[in-house]
Amino acid sequence: MVGIVSYGTYIPKFRIKAEEIARIWGENAEAIKNGLGVFEKSVPDIDEDTVTISVECAREAVRRAKIDKNEIGAIFVGSESHPYAVKPTATIVGEALAINSFFHSADLEFACKAGSAGIQNCMAMVESGMIRYGLAIGADTSQGAPGDPLEYSAAAGGAGFIIGNENVIAEIKDTLSFTTDTPDFWRREGQPYPSHGGRFTGEPAYFRHVSTAAKTIMERNSLTPEDFTYAVFHMPNGKFPVRVARMLGFSSKQIEQGLVVRYIGNTYSGSSLLGFAAVLDVAKPGDRILLTSFGSGAGSDAFIVEITENIESFERTPKVWEKIERKVYIDYGMYAKLRRKIRMG
């Protein structure tokens, strides 16, 4: 049995409402706001970045796991906003945890699915016997150019998962990936903000990959949407995951618990993983969960997860939705300062 032994999350306390962003950019901005289905989003403080978010996720996961942290044999941090172009985030996380130096580490990048790719890497290493526990983190402080539709959703946050085969609270029964060269979203080296293909990001990118990965893994395991208690899909906005769930045959009740994007925005590599953590917060033994991430470029990782009896004795506070409610609203001026959108020279 290989699966999740523990998990931890982090969401910055600052929030900006979508209507505040729209107030700055005028009438067309109001239409964009209404079309995304995101009411407000998280904003990192001036001293918060992918490293600090990852460390907070890792510390909570280790504390909840009640394991010897020196038995963590691998750390993978998935993000598209690593603070260093050359210098791994994962090594800083390991140092902050004060674990011994005998662990594999790497930073992963695949747009918004780099964190779920880290989970797959940890699974393989545990199953092979290379390591006892692995730590996979998905975290981002994502950016959108001023006035761009991305500015209404690009947010900050993350989730980390300890993978092992002892005291598993959620067994990963199966996983698969569906990947193509679909350039719907990109950012070249040195560019401060990403570019995107507008409507091209929908059908050929998000919906094709998420639906194909989800359908294929269900068919491979002879399961239907009715066999799942919960489903979590990557959340670039508030509309896409609802639509793809409907396309696949899932009900609103199955996705509501994990639909965190409306109140914190798209945390990129942390998006589907934060939604998954929110589901783990309330899941009961025997519950089955479908998790499907998505990363532009493009690909999806799908997982079938079953909750074990160990969840009943596992510490699950504070919960993700409790963290979402801990917030301080800021105006656009403070937001621009914190996100360094005002550049000199």
Protein backbone atom coordinates (compact mmCIF):
# COMPACT_ATOMS: atom_id res chain seq x y z
CA MET A 1 0.00 0.00 0.00
CA VAL A 2 1.63 3.23 -1.18
CA GLY A 3 -0.08 6.50 -0.55
CA ILE A 4 -0.35 9.65 1.50
CA VAL A 5 1.02 9.49 5.03
CA SER A 6 0.52 13.17 5.81
CA TYR A 7 -0.13 16.54 4.20
CA GLY A 8 0.27 20.24 4.94
CA THR A 9 -0.96 23.45 3.33
CA TYR A 10 -0.30 27.17 3.34
CA ILE A 11 -2.34 30.12 2.06
CA PRO A 12 -1.18 33.74 2.49
CA LYS A 13 -3.55 35.87 4.59
CA PHE A 14 -3.85 38.81 2.18
CA ARG A 15 -6.77 38.92 -0.29
CA ILE A 16 -7.81 41.24 -3.06
CA LYS A 17 -11.35 41.15 -4.41
CA ALA A 18 -11.91 40.73 -8.12
CA GLU A 19 -14.13 43.80 -8.08
CA GLU A 20 -11.20 45.87 -6.76
CA ILE A 21 -9.06 44.80 -9.73
CA ALA A 22 -11.95 45.51 -12.11
CA ARG A 23 -12.39 48.98 -10.55
CA ILE A 24 -8.92 49.90 -11.76
CA TRP A 25 -9.25 48.60 -15.31
CA GLY A 26 -12.73 49.77 -16.34
CA GLU A 27 -15.82 48.37 -18.09
CA ASN A 28 -14.20 45.52 -20.02
CA ALA A 29 -12.57 44.40 -16.79
CA GLU A 30 -16.01 43.90 -15.25
CA ALA A 31 -16.90 41.44 -18.02
CA ILE A 32 -13.64 39.54 -17.50
CA LYS A 33 -14.26 39.35 -13.75
CA ASN A 34 -17.75 37.96 -14.21
CA GLY A 35 -16.58 35.40 -16.75
CA LEU A 36 -13.92 33.80 -14.54
CA GLY A 37 -15.97 32.90 -11.49
CA VAL A 38 -13.26 34.03 -9.06
CA PHE A 39 -14.52 36.34 -6.30
CA GLU A 40 -11.19 37.07 -4.62
CA LYS A 41 -7.64 35.76 -4.60
CA SER A 42 -4.73 35.32 -2.21
CA VAL A 43 -1.76 37.67 -2.38
CA PRO A 44 1.68 36.85 -0.91
CA ASP A 45 3.24 39.28 1.54
CA ILE A 46 6.43 41.08 0.56
CA ASP A 47 8.55 38.36 2.22
CA GLU A 48 6.58 35.34 0.97
CA ASP A 49 7.63 33.31 -2.04
CA THR A 50 7.60 29.71 -3.27
CA VAL A 51 10.33 28.79 -0.76
CA THR A 52 8.54 30.13 2.31
CA ILE A 53 5.23 28.61 1.22
CA SER A 54 6.91 25.25 0.60
CA VAL A 55 8.60 25.33 4.00
CA GLU A 56 5.32 26.02 5.79
CA CYS A 57 3.60 23.17 3.92
CA ALA A 58 6.49 20.82 4.71
CA ARG A 59 6.63 21.70 8.40
CA GLU A 60 2.91 21.11 8.85
CA ALA A 61 3.08 17.80 6.97
CA VAL A 62 6.01 16.58 9.09
CA ARG A 63 4.39 17.66 12.34
CA ARG A 64 1.15 15.87 11.50
CA ALA A 65 2.93 12.73 10.30
CA LYS A 66 4.67 12.04 13.61
CA ILE A 67 7.57 10.38 11.78
CA ASP A 68 11.31 10.77 12.06
CA LYS A 69 11.92 13.56 9.54
CA ASN A 70 15.36 12.10 8.79
CA GLU A 71 13.59 9.18 7.11
CA ILE A 72 12.39 11.49 4.33
CA GLY A 73 14.55 10.32 1.45
CA ALA A 74 13.38 12.67 -1.30
CA ILE A 75 12.03 16.20 -1.64
CA PHE A 76 10.48 17.48 -4.87
CA VAL A 77 9.12 21.01 -5.19
CA GLY A 78 6.94 21.73 -8.20
CA SER A 79 6.47 25.37 -9.16
CA GLU A 80 6.64 27.83 -12.03
CA SER A 81 7.73 30.64 -9.72
CA HIS A 82 10.90 29.28 -8.13
CA PRO A 83 12.74 32.34 -6.77
CA TYR A 84 16.03 31.25 -8.36
CA ALA A 85 16.59 30.42 -12.01
CA VAL A 86 19.67 28.48 -10.92
CA LYS A 87 19.46 27.28 -7.29
CA PRO A 88 16.99 24.63 -6.15
CA THR A 89 14.09 25.35 -3.86
CA ALA A 90 14.04 21.74 -2.62
CA THR A 91 17.44 22.00 -0.92
CA ILE A 92 16.30 25.06 1.04
CA VAL A 93 13.21 23.17 2.19
CA GLY A 94 15.38 20.28 3.38
CA GLU A 95 17.66 22.64 5.28
CA ALA A 96 14.68 24.43 6.87
CA LEU A 97 13.34 21.07 8.05
CA ALA A 98 16.77 20.35 9.55
CA ILE A 99 16.84 16.84 8.12
CA ASN A 100 20.07 15.03 7.34
CA SER A 101 21.69 15.63 3.99
CA PHE A 102 21.11 12.12 2.62
CA PHE A 103 18.06 12.81 0.47
CA HIS A 104 17.27 13.10 -3.21
CA SER A 105 16.04 16.54 -4.22
CA ALA A 106 14.93 18.35 -7.34
CA ASP A 107 12.82 21.25 -8.48
CA LEU A 108 10.13 20.36 -11.00
CA GLU A 109 8.46 22.55 -13.61
CA PHE A 110 5.40 21.70 -15.68
CA ALA A 111 3.19 24.74 -15.29
CA CYS A 112 0.41 23.90 -12.82
CA LYS A 113 0.97 20.13 -12.56
CA ALA A 114 4.55 20.04 -11.31
CA GLY A 115 3.39 19.24 -7.78
CA SER A 116 1.37 16.21 -8.83
CA ALA A 117 4.36 15.02 -10.88
CA GLY A 118 6.35 15.14 -7.64
CA ILE A 119 3.81 12.84 -6.00
CA GLN A 120 4.28 10.34 -8.84
CA ASN A 121 8.07 10.50 -8.44
CA CYS A 122 7.79 9.84 -4.70
CA MET A 123 5.41 6.94 -5.32
CA ALA A 124 7.86 5.27 -7.68
CA MET A 125 10.78 5.69 -5.30
CA VAL A 126 8.84 4.30 -2.35
CA GLU A 127 7.53 1.36 -4.37
CA SER A 128 11.04 0.55 -5.59
CA GLY A 129 12.43 0.57 -2.07
CA MET A 130 14.84 3.44 -2.75
CA ILE A 131 13.34 5.57 0.00
CA ARG A 132 11.05 5.14 3.00
CA TYR A 133 9.24 8.48 2.67
CA GLY A 134 9.14 11.17 0.01
CA LEU A 135 7.90 14.75 0.24
CA ALA A 136 6.18 16.30 -2.78
CA ILE A 137 5.17 19.95 -2.78
CA GLY A 138 3.25 22.09 -5.24
CA ALA A 139 3.56 25.83 -4.52
CA ASP A 140 3.46 29.08 -6.45
CA THR A 141 3.29 32.85 -6.24
CA SER A 142 1.87 33.23 -9.72
CA GLN A 143 1.84 36.42 -11.76
CA GLY A 144 -0.42 38.10 -14.28
CA ALA A 145 0.36 41.26 -16.21
CA PRO A 146 -1.55 44.38 -15.12
CA GLY A 147 -4.97 44.38 -16.78
CA ASP A 148 -4.56 40.86 -18.18
CA PRO A 149 -7.33 38.33 -17.44
CA LEU A 150 -4.73 36.32 -15.50
CA GLU A 151 -4.51 39.13 -12.96
CA TYR A 152 -7.97 38.22 -11.64
CA SER A 153 -6.98 34.65 -10.82
CA ALA A 154 -3.17 34.32 -10.46
CA ALA A 155 -2.69 33.71 -6.74
CA ALA A 156 -0.38 32.20 -4.12
CA GLY A 157 -0.43 29.08 -1.96
CA GLY A 158 0.68 25.49 -1.79
CA ALA A 159 0.28 21.97 -0.47
CA GLY A 160 2.76 19.26 0.45
CA PHE A 161 2.32 15.50 0.78
CA ILE A 162 4.45 12.88 2.48
CA ILE A 163 4.31 9.64 0.50
CA GLY A 164 5.09 6.26 2.03
CA ASN A 165 3.79 2.75 2.67
CA GLU A 166 3.32 2.85 6.45
CA ASN A 167 0.42 4.46 8.32
CA VAL A 168 -1.11 5.50 5.01
CA ILE A 169 -4.21 7.68 5.39
CA ALA A 170 -5.07 7.68 1.66
CA GLU A 171 -3.95 4.86 -0.60
CA ILE A 172 -3.11 5.81 -4.18
CA LYS A 173 -4.67 2.95 -6.12
CA ASP A 174 -3.61 4.12 -9.57
CA THR A 175 -2.12 7.05 -11.46
CA LEU A 176 -1.53 7.92 -15.11
CA SER A 177 -0.51 10.91 -17.19
CA PHE A 178 -1.70 12.28 -20.53
CA THR A 179 0.76 14.63 -22.23
CA THR A 180 1.00 16.49 -25.56
CA ASP A 181 2.88 19.44 -27.00
CA THR A 182 0.07 22.01 -26.74
CA PRO A 183 1.57 25.51 -26.29
CA ASP A 184 -1.38 27.26 -24.66
CA PHE A 185 0.60 29.18 -22.02
CA TRP A 186 4.28 30.10 -21.74
CA ARG A 187 6.86 32.48 -20.29
CA ARG A 188 10.32 32.91 -21.75
CA GLU A 189 13.41 33.39 -19.62
CA GLY A 190 13.64 36.95 -18.37
CA GLN A 191 10.03 37.85 -19.02
CA PRO A 192 8.19 39.00 -15.88
CA TYR A 193 4.73 37.86 -16.98
CA PRO A 194 3.45 34.81 -18.88
CA SER A 195 1.67 34.85 -22.23
CA HIS A 196 -1.34 32.76 -23.14
CA GLY A 197 -3.38 31.74 -26.14
CA GLY A 198 -6.69 33.11 -24.89
CA ARG A 199 -9.53 30.78 -25.81
CA PHE A 200 -6.97 28.27 -27.07
CA THR A 201 -6.33 27.41 -23.42
CA GLY A 202 -9.81 25.88 -23.14
CA GLU A 203 -10.79 23.07 -25.52
CA PRO A 204 -7.44 21.90 -26.95
CA ALA A 205 -5.56 22.34 -23.69
CA TYR A 206 -7.45 22.14 -20.39
CA PHE A 207 -10.58 20.23 -21.37
CA ARG A 208 -8.88 17.75 -23.69
CA HIS A 209 -6.18 16.77 -21.21
CA VAL A 210 -8.23 16.73 -18.02
CA SER A 211 -11.14 14.81 -19.54
CA THR A 212 -8.88 12.31 -21.34
CA ALA A 213 -6.80 11.55 -18.25
CA ALA A 214 -9.88 11.25 -16.02
CA LYS A 215 -11.83 9.06 -18.45
CA THR A 216 -8.86 6.78 -19.12
CA ILE A 217 -8.02 6.09 -15.49
CA MET A 218 -11.67 5.41 -14.67
CA GLU A 219 -12.00 3.02 -17.61
CA ARG A 220 -8.75 1.27 -16.69
CA ASN A 221 -10.12 0.60 -13.20
CA SER A 222 -13.70 -0.19 -14.31
CA LEU A 223 -15.08 2.78 -12.38
CA THR A 224 -17.71 5.42 -13.14
CA PRO A 225 -18.30 8.88 -11.61
CA GLU A 226 -20.91 7.30 -9.30
CA ASP A 227 -18.14 5.24 -7.69
CA PHE A 228 -16.43 8.35 -6.30
CA THR A 229 -17.31 10.36 -3.21
CA TYR A 230 -15.28 13.36 -4.34
CA ALA A 231 -13.56 14.66 -7.47
CA VAL A 232 -10.95 17.40 -7.73
CA PHE A 233 -9.84 18.99 -10.99
CA HIS A 234 -7.26 21.69 -11.63
CA MET A 235 -8.82 25.11 -11.08
CA PRO A 236 -7.48 27.83 -13.42
CA ASN A 237 -10.72 29.70 -12.70
CA GLY A 238 -14.13 29.02 -11.19
CA LYS A 239 -15.77 27.91 -14.44
CA PHE A 240 -13.47 25.28 -16.00
CA PRO A 241 -13.54 22.67 -13.19
CA VAL A 242 -17.33 22.92 -12.93
CA ARG A 243 -17.71 22.44 -16.67
CA VAL A 244 -15.29 19.51 -16.96
CA ALA A 245 -16.96 17.80 -13.99
CA ARG A 246 -20.31 18.10 -15.75
CA MET A 247 -18.78 16.78 -19.00
CA LEU A 248 -17.45 13.71 -17.17
CA GLY A 249 -20.69 13.05 -15.27
CA PHE A 250 -19.77 14.31 -11.78
CA SER A 251 -22.25 16.24 -9.65
CA SER A 252 -21.72 19.62 -8.02
CA LYS A 253 -21.86 17.88 -4.64
CA GLN A 254 -18.82 15.75 -5.56
CA ILE A 255 -16.64 18.76 -6.45
CA GLU A 256 -17.85 21.49 -4.07
CA GLN A 257 -15.58 20.65 -1.11
CA GLY A 258 -12.44 20.97 -3.22
CA LEU A 259 -13.54 24.02 -5.23
CA VAL A 260 -11.32 26.50 -3.40
CA VAL A 261 -10.45 28.66 -6.42
CA ARG A 262 -13.41 31.01 -5.98
CA TYR A 263 -11.97 32.40 -2.76
CA ILE A 264 -8.20 32.12 -3.18
CA GLY A 265 -7.70 32.16 -6.96
CA ASN A 266 -5.50 29.87 -9.04
CA THR A 267 -2.46 28.85 -6.99
CA TYR A 268 -0.98 27.12 -10.05
CA SER A 269 1.09 24.13 -8.84
CA GLY A 270 -0.82 24.29 -5.58
CA SER A 271 -4.26 24.51 -7.19
CA SER A 272 -5.55 20.95 -7.53
CA LEU A 273 -3.44 19.88 -4.54
CA LEU A 274 -5.02 22.47 -2.23
CA GLY A 275 -8.44 21.30 -3.41
CA PHE A 276 -7.40 17.72 -2.74
CA ALA A 277 -6.18 18.66 0.74
CA ALA A 278 -9.54 20.32 1.44
CA VAL A 279 -11.22 17.02 0.56
CA LEU A 280 -8.83 15.04 2.79
CA ASP A 281 -9.84 17.39 5.62
CA VAL A 282 -13.35 15.89 5.66
CA ALA A 283 -12.95 12.48 3.99
CA LYS A 284 -14.00 9.29 5.77
CA PRO A 285 -12.66 5.72 5.57
CA GLY A 286 -13.77 4.07 2.35
CA ASP A 287 -14.26 7.32 0.43
CA ARG A 288 -12.87 7.23 -3.10
CA ILE A 289 -11.43 10.39 -4.68
CA LEU A 290 -10.54 11.24 -8.28
CA LEU A 291 -7.79 13.86 -8.54
CA THR A 292 -6.79 15.27 -11.93
CA SER A 293 -4.24 18.04 -12.28
CA PHE A 294 -3.42 20.05 -15.38
CA GLY A 295 -0.33 21.87 -16.56
CA SER A 296 -0.11 24.05 -19.64
CA GLY A 297 2.24 22.87 -22.32
CA ALA A 298 0.31 20.49 -21.78
CA GLY A 299 -0.54 17.51 -19.59
CA SER A 300 -2.67 16.04 -16.82
CA ASP A 301 -1.89 13.61 -14.00
CA ALA A 302 -4.85 11.56 -12.75
CA PHE A 303 -5.03 9.68 -9.45
CA ILE A 304 -7.52 7.30 -7.85
CA VAL A 305 -7.27 7.56 -4.08
CA GLU A 306 -9.05 5.57 -1.36
CA ILE A 307 -9.24 6.73 2.25
CA THR A 308 -8.10 4.26 4.91
CA GLU A 309 -9.04 3.78 8.57
CA ASN A 310 -5.89 5.66 9.58
CA ILE A 311 -7.56 8.94 8.65
CA GLU A 312 -9.66 8.79 11.83
CA SER A 313 -6.66 9.24 14.13
CA PHE A 314 -4.87 11.73 11.86
CA GLU A 315 -4.68 15.38 12.92
CA ARG A 316 -6.53 17.49 10.35
CA THR A 317 -6.62 20.95 11.88
CA PRO A 318 -6.41 23.69 10.90
CA LYS A 319 -8.38 22.74 7.79
CA VAL A 320 -7.95 24.33 4.37
CA TRP A 321 -11.30 26.12 4.50
CA GLU A 322 -10.42 27.50 7.93
CA LYS A 323 -7.23 28.92 6.45
CA ILE A 324 -9.20 30.42 3.58
CA GLU A 325 -11.33 32.32 6.09
CA ARG A 326 -8.26 33.84 7.78
CA LYS A 327 -7.86 36.87 5.56
CA VAL A 328 -7.06 40.56 5.39
CA TYR A 329 -8.34 42.53 2.40
CA ILE A 330 -6.04 44.95 0.59
CA ASP A 331 -6.59 47.53 -2.14
CA TYR A 332 -4.99 47.59 -5.58
CA GLY A 333 -2.24 49.96 -4.48
CA MET A 334 -1.01 47.60 -1.76
CA TYR A 335 -1.43 44.66 -4.13
CA ALA A 336 0.73 46.38 -6.76
CA LYS A 337 3.39 47.04 -4.13
CA LEU A 338 3.43 43.49 -2.77
CA ARG A 339 3.53 41.95 -6.26
CA ARG A 340 6.20 44.45 -7.39
CA LYS A 341 4.11 45.61 -10.32
CA ILE A 342 5.52 49.12 -9.99
CA ARG A 343 8.97 48.95 -11.55
CA MET A 344 11.55 51.73 -11.60
CA GLY A 345 13.61 52.27 -14.74
